[in-house]
Amino acid sequence: MRAIKMVRMQSIDKNRYRAEELAEERVLDVLIPPAKNNWGQTEPSQEPSAARQAFR
């Protein structure tokens, strides 16, 4: 039982950073939607906008 809990905690710790990054991106997407082109499609962004950086 103890080994299972230890492996579970290691897995949680390993994935925590990535989960926090993804959660932050989802919140920023709600607050500052990605830019759209003239056709209404989302523009692929290579670098984060200044507004997104300010919210971080």
PDB file of N, CA and C in Angstrom:
ATOM      1  N   MET A   1       0.824  -1.195   0.000  1.00  0.00           N
ATOM      2  CA  MET A   1       0.000   0.000   0.000  1.00  0.00           C
ATOM      3  C   MET A   1       0.866   1.256   0.000  1.00  0.00           C
ATOM      4  N   ARG A   2       1.931   1.218   0.766  1.00  0.00           N
ATOM      5  CA  ARG A   2       2.808   2.374   0.878  1.00  0.00           C
ATOM      6  C   ARG A   2       3.516   2.672  -0.449  1.00  0.00           C
ATOM      7  N   ALA A   3       3.930   1.618  -1.164  1.00  0.00           N
ATOM      8  CA  ALA A   3       4.612   1.794  -2.442  1.00  0.00           C
ATOM      9  C   ALA A   3       3.680   2.412  -3.476  1.00  0.00           C
ATOM     10  N   ILE A   4       2.423   2.026  -3.454  1.00  0.00           N
ATOM     11  CA  ILE A   4       1.451   2.585  -4.397  1.00  0.00           C
ATOM     12  C   ILE A   4       1.287   4.076  -4.151  1.00  0.00           C
ATOM     13  N   LYS A   5       1.190   4.450  -2.887  1.00  0.00           N
ATOM     14  CA  LYS A   5       1.040   5.867  -2.554  1.00  0.00           C
ATOM     15  C   LYS A   5       2.280   6.652  -2.967  1.00  0.00           C
ATOM     16  N   MET A   6       3.460   6.078  -2.775  1.00  0.00           N
ATOM     17  CA  MET A   6       4.697   6.751  -3.137  1.00  0.00           C
ATOM     18  C   MET A   6       4.767   6.974  -4.650  1.00  0.00           C
ATOM     19  N   VAL A   7       4.420   5.970  -5.429  1.00  0.00           N
ATOM     20  CA  VAL A   7       4.431   6.094  -6.890  1.00  0.00           C
ATOM     21  C   VAL A   7       3.404   7.130  -7.335  1.00  0.00           C
ATOM     22  N   ARG A   8       2.253   7.125  -6.705  1.00  0.00           N
ATOM     23  CA  ARG A   8       1.201   8.102  -7.029  1.00  0.00           C
ATOM     24  C   ARG A   8       1.685   9.522  -6.762  1.00  0.00           C
ATOM     25  N   MET A   9       2.318   9.745  -5.621  1.00  0.00           N
ATOM     26  CA  MET A   9       2.811  11.078  -5.274  1.00  0.00           C
ATOM     27  C   MET A   9       3.921  11.525  -6.231  1.00  0.00           C
ATOM     28  N   GLN A  10       4.772  10.605  -6.636  1.00  0.00           N
ATOM     29  CA  GLN A  10       5.825  10.934  -7.595  1.00  0.00           C
ATOM     30  C   GLN A  10       5.219  11.344  -8.933  1.00  0.00           C
ATOM     31  N   SER A  11       4.192  10.646  -9.353  1.00  0.00           N
ATOM     32  CA  SER A  11       3.522  10.969 -10.613  1.00  0.00           C
ATOM     33  C   SER A  11       2.860  12.339 -10.543  1.00  0.00           C
ATOM     34  N   ILE A  12       2.225  12.634  -9.431  1.00  0.00           N
ATOM     35  CA  ILE A  12       1.583  13.940  -9.253  1.00  0.00           C
ATOM     36  C   ILE A  12       2.627  15.044  -9.295  1.00  0.00           C
ATOM     37  N   ASP A  13       3.730  14.864  -8.576  1.00  0.00           N
ATOM     38  CA  ASP A  13       4.786  15.876  -8.554  1.00  0.00           C
ATOM     39  C   ASP A  13       5.393  16.086  -9.935  1.00  0.00           C
ATOM     40  N   LYS A  14       5.538  14.997 -10.691  1.00  0.00           N
ATOM     41  CA  LYS A  14       6.140  15.077 -12.022  1.00  0.00           C
ATOM     42  C   LYS A  14       5.268  15.894 -12.982  1.00  0.00           C
ATOM     43  N   ASN A  15       3.959  15.792 -12.848  1.00  0.00           N
ATOM     44  CA  ASN A  15       3.048  16.446 -13.781  1.00  0.00           C
ATOM     45  C   ASN A  15       2.516  17.787 -13.295  1.00  0.00           C
ATOM     46  N   ARG A  16       2.816  18.174 -12.083  1.00  0.00           N
ATOM     47  CA  ARG A  16       2.269  19.394 -11.499  1.00  0.00           C
ATOM     48  C   ARG A  16       2.659  20.646 -12.295  1.00  0.00           C
ATOM     49  N   TYR A  17       3.929  20.786 -12.664  1.00  0.00           N
ATOM     50  CA  TYR A  17       4.394  21.976 -13.371  1.00  0.00           C
ATOM     51  C   TYR A  17       3.664  22.150 -14.702  1.00  0.00           C
ATOM     52  N   ARG A  18       3.570  21.101 -15.466  1.00  0.00           N
ATOM     53  CA  ARG A  18       2.893  21.172 -16.777  1.00  0.00           C
ATOM     54  C   ARG A  18       1.412  21.490 -16.608  1.00  0.00           C
ATOM     55  N   ALA A  19       0.779  20.913 -15.608  1.00  0.00           N
ATOM     56  CA  ALA A  19      -0.639  21.178 -15.353  1.00  0.00           C
ATOM     57  C   ALA A  19      -0.857  22.638 -14.979  1.00  0.00           C
ATOM     58  N   GLU A  20       0.047  23.206 -14.191  1.00  0.00           N
ATOM     59  CA  GLU A  20      -0.070  24.618 -13.824  1.00  0.00           C
ATOM     60  C   GLU A  20       0.088  25.517 -15.050  1.00  0.00           C
ATOM     61  N   GLU A  21       1.033  25.181 -15.934  1.00  0.00           N
ATOM     62  CA  GLU A  21       1.217  25.957 -17.168  1.00  0.00           C
ATOM     63  C   GLU A  21      -0.038  25.916 -18.035  1.00  0.00           C
ATOM     64  N   LEU A  22      -0.607  24.731 -18.205  1.00  0.00           N
ATOM     65  CA  LEU A  22      -1.801  24.592 -19.036  1.00  0.00           C
ATOM     66  C   LEU A  22      -2.992  25.325 -18.431  1.00  0.00           C
ATOM     67  N   ALA A  23      -3.121  25.283 -17.120  1.00  0.00           N
ATOM     68  CA  ALA A  23      -4.213  25.997 -16.455  1.00  0.00           C
ATOM     69  C   ALA A  23      -4.058  27.500 -16.642  1.00  0.00           C
ATOM     70  N   GLU A  24      -2.833  27.995 -16.535  1.00  0.00           N
ATOM     71  CA  GLU A  24      -2.581  29.424 -16.740  1.00  0.00           C
ATOM     72  C   GLU A  24      -2.940  29.838 -18.164  1.00  0.00           C
ATOM     73  N   GLU A  25      -2.576  29.024 -19.142  1.00  0.00           N
ATOM     74  CA  GLU A  25      -2.903  29.330 -20.538  1.00  0.00           C
ATOM     75  C   GLU A  25      -4.411  29.364 -20.755  1.00  0.00           C
ATOM     76  N   ARG A  26      -5.134  28.446 -20.132  1.00  0.00           N
ATOM     77  CA  ARG A  26      -6.599  28.428 -20.276  1.00  0.00           C
ATOM     78  C   ARG A  26      -7.222  29.684 -19.689  1.00  0.00           C
ATOM     79  N   VAL A  27      -6.733  30.119 -18.540  1.00  0.00           N
ATOM     80  CA  VAL A  27      -7.253  31.345 -17.925  1.00  0.00           C
ATOM     81  C   VAL A  27      -6.944  32.540 -18.815  1.00  0.00           C
ATOM     82  N   LEU A  28      -5.725  32.618 -19.344  1.00  0.00           N
ATOM     83  CA  LEU A  28      -5.362  33.727 -20.226  1.00  0.00           C
ATOM     84  C   LEU A  28      -6.179  33.708 -21.515  1.00  0.00           C
ATOM     85  N   ASP A  29      -6.491  32.526 -22.036  1.00  0.00           N
ATOM     86  CA  ASP A  29      -7.326  32.432 -23.236  1.00  0.00           C
ATOM     87  C   ASP A  29      -8.717  33.004 -22.986  1.00  0.00           C
ATOM     88  N   VAL A  30      -9.233  32.838 -21.773  1.00  0.00           N
ATOM     89  CA  VAL A  30     -10.549  33.388 -21.440  1.00  0.00           C
ATOM     90  C   VAL A  30     -10.459  34.901 -21.285  1.00  0.00           C
ATOM     91  N   LEU A  31      -9.413  35.368 -20.596  1.00  0.00           N
ATOM     92  CA  LEU A  31      -9.266  36.807 -20.355  1.00  0.00           C
ATOM     93  C   LEU A  31      -8.873  37.570 -21.613  1.00  0.00           C
ATOM     94  N   ILE A  32      -7.964  36.990 -22.389  1.00  0.00           N
ATOM     95  CA  ILE A  32      -7.455  37.633 -23.603  1.00  0.00           C
ATOM     96  C   ILE A  32      -7.532  36.613 -24.729  1.00  0.00           C
ATOM     97  N   PRO A  33      -8.629  36.591 -25.471  1.00  0.00           N
ATOM     98  CA  PRO A  33      -8.754  35.610 -26.561  1.00  0.00           C
ATOM     99  C   PRO A  33      -7.659  35.813 -27.611  1.00  0.00           C
ATOM    100  N   PRO A  34      -7.234  34.754 -28.271  1.00  0.00           N
ATOM    101  CA  PRO A  34      -6.223  34.879 -29.322  1.00  0.00           C
ATOM    102  C   PRO A  34      -6.731  35.754 -30.466  1.00  0.00           C
ATOM    103  N   ALA A  35      -5.803  36.414 -31.142  1.00  0.00           N
ATOM    104  CA  ALA A  35      -6.159  37.290 -32.263  1.00  0.00           C
ATOM    105  C   ALA A  35      -6.773  36.480 -33.399  1.00  0.00           C
ATOM    106  N   LYS A  36      -7.682  37.101 -34.134  1.00  0.00           N
ATOM    107  CA  LYS A  36      -8.318  36.448 -35.284  1.00  0.00           C
ATOM    108  C   LYS A  36      -7.961  37.232 -36.543  1.00  0.00           C
ATOM    109  N   ASN A  37      -7.866  36.516 -37.663  1.00  0.00           N
ATOM    110  CA  ASN A  37      -7.591  37.186 -38.925  1.00  0.00           C
ATOM    111  C   ASN A  37      -8.898  37.697 -39.529  1.00  0.00           C
ATOM    112  N   ASN A  38      -8.842  38.245 -40.722  1.00  0.00           N
ATOM    113  CA  ASN A  38     -10.029  38.810 -41.371  1.00  0.00           C
ATOM    114  C   ASN A  38     -11.092  37.765 -41.681  1.00  0.00           C
ATOM    115  N   TRP A  39     -10.722  36.512 -41.709  1.00  0.00           N
ATOM    116  CA  TRP A  39     -11.656  35.441 -42.042  1.00  0.00           C
ATOM    117  C   TRP A  39     -12.284  34.832 -40.796  1.00  0.00           C
ATOM    118  N   GLY A  40     -11.968  35.358 -39.627  1.00  0.00           N
ATOM    119  CA  GLY A  40     -12.546  34.859 -38.391  1.00  0.00           C
ATOM    120  C   GLY A  40     -11.842  33.648 -37.816  1.00  0.00           C
ATOM    121  N   GLN A  41     -10.720  33.284 -38.425  1.00  0.00           N
ATOM    122  CA  GLN A  41      -9.970  32.140 -37.920  1.00  0.00           C
ATOM    123  C   GLN A  41      -8.887  32.626 -36.966  1.00  0.00           C
ATOM    124  N   THR A  42      -8.579  31.803 -35.992  1.00  0.00           N
ATOM    125  CA  THR A  42      -7.556  32.152 -35.016  1.00  0.00           C
ATOM    126  C   THR A  42      -6.186  32.150 -35.675  1.00  0.00           C
ATOM    127  N   GLU A  43      -5.439  33.213 -35.416  1.00  0.00           N
ATOM    128  CA  GLU A  43      -4.082  33.323 -35.942  1.00  0.00           C
ATOM    129  C   GLU A  43      -3.132  32.496 -35.073  1.00  0.00           C
ATOM    130  N   PRO A  44      -2.291  31.692 -35.679  1.00  0.00           N
ATOM    131  CA  PRO A  44      -1.284  30.995 -34.865  1.00  0.00           C
ATOM    132  C   PRO A  44      -0.251  32.005 -34.375  1.00  0.00           C
ATOM    133  N   SER A  45      -0.009  32.016 -33.095  1.00  0.00           N
ATOM    134  CA  SER A  45       0.906  32.986 -32.510  1.00  0.00           C
ATOM    135  C   SER A  45       2.208  32.305 -32.122  1.00  0.00           C
ATOM    136  N   GLN A  46       3.311  32.860 -32.582  1.00  0.00           N
ATOM    137  CA  GLN A  46       4.612  32.300 -32.257  1.00  0.00           C
ATOM    138  C   GLN A  46       5.135  32.827 -30.929  1.00  0.00           C
ATOM    139  N   GLU A  47       4.767  34.059 -30.581  1.00  0.00           N
ATOM    140  CA  GLU A  47       5.223  34.630 -29.320  1.00  0.00           C
ATOM    141  C   GLU A  47       4.040  35.221 -28.571  1.00  0.00           C
ATOM    142  N   PRO A  48       4.089  35.191 -27.258  1.00  0.00           N
ATOM    143  CA  PRO A  48       2.971  35.716 -26.468  1.00  0.00           C
ATOM    144  C   PRO A  48       2.837  37.231 -26.624  1.00  0.00           C
ATOM    145  N   SER A  49       1.610  37.713 -26.559  1.00  0.00           N
ATOM    146  CA  SER A  49       1.379  39.145 -26.681  1.00  0.00           C
ATOM    147  C   SER A  49       1.806  39.850 -25.405  1.00  0.00           C
ATOM    148  N   ALA A  50       1.960  41.165 -25.507  1.00  0.00           N
ATOM    149  CA  ALA A  50       2.351  41.969 -24.347  1.00  0.00           C
ATOM    150  C   ALA A  50       1.277  41.907 -23.265  1.00  0.00           C
ATOM    151  N   ALA A  51       0.017  41.875 -23.674  1.00  0.00           N
ATOM    152  CA  ALA A  51      -1.072  41.818 -22.696  1.00  0.00           C
ATOM    153  C   ALA A  51      -1.027  40.503 -21.915  1.00  0.00           C
ATOM    154  N   ARG A  52      -0.759  39.401 -22.616  1.00  0.00           N
ATOM    155  CA  ARG A  52      -0.677  38.110 -21.933  1.00  0.00           C
ATOM    156  C   ARG A  52       0.491  38.098 -20.952  1.00  0.00           C
ATOM    157  N   GLN A  53       1.596  38.697 -21.342  1.00  0.00           N
ATOM    158  CA  GLN A  53       2.749  38.756 -20.449  1.00  0.00           C
ATOM    159  C   GLN A  53       2.455  39.615 -19.227  1.00  0.00           C
ATOM    160  N   ALA A  54       1.695  40.691 -19.410  1.00  0.00           N
ATOM    161  CA  ALA A  54       1.357  41.574 -18.290  1.00  0.00           C
ATOM    162  C   ALA A  54       0.480  40.847 -17.273  1.00  0.00           C
ATOM    163  N   PHE A  55      -0.418  39.989 -17.744  1.00  0.00           N
ATOM    164  CA  PHE A  55      -1.286  39.247 -16.833  1.00  0.00           C
ATOM    165  C   PHE A  55      -0.522  38.180 -16.060  1.00  0.00           C
ATOM    166  N   ARG A  56       0.580  37.720 -16.610  1.00  0.00           N
ATOM    167  CA  ARG A  56       1.374  36.698 -15.914  1.00  0.00           C
ATOM    168  C   ARG A  56       2.065  37.335 -14.755  1.00  0.00           C
TER     169      ARG A  56
END
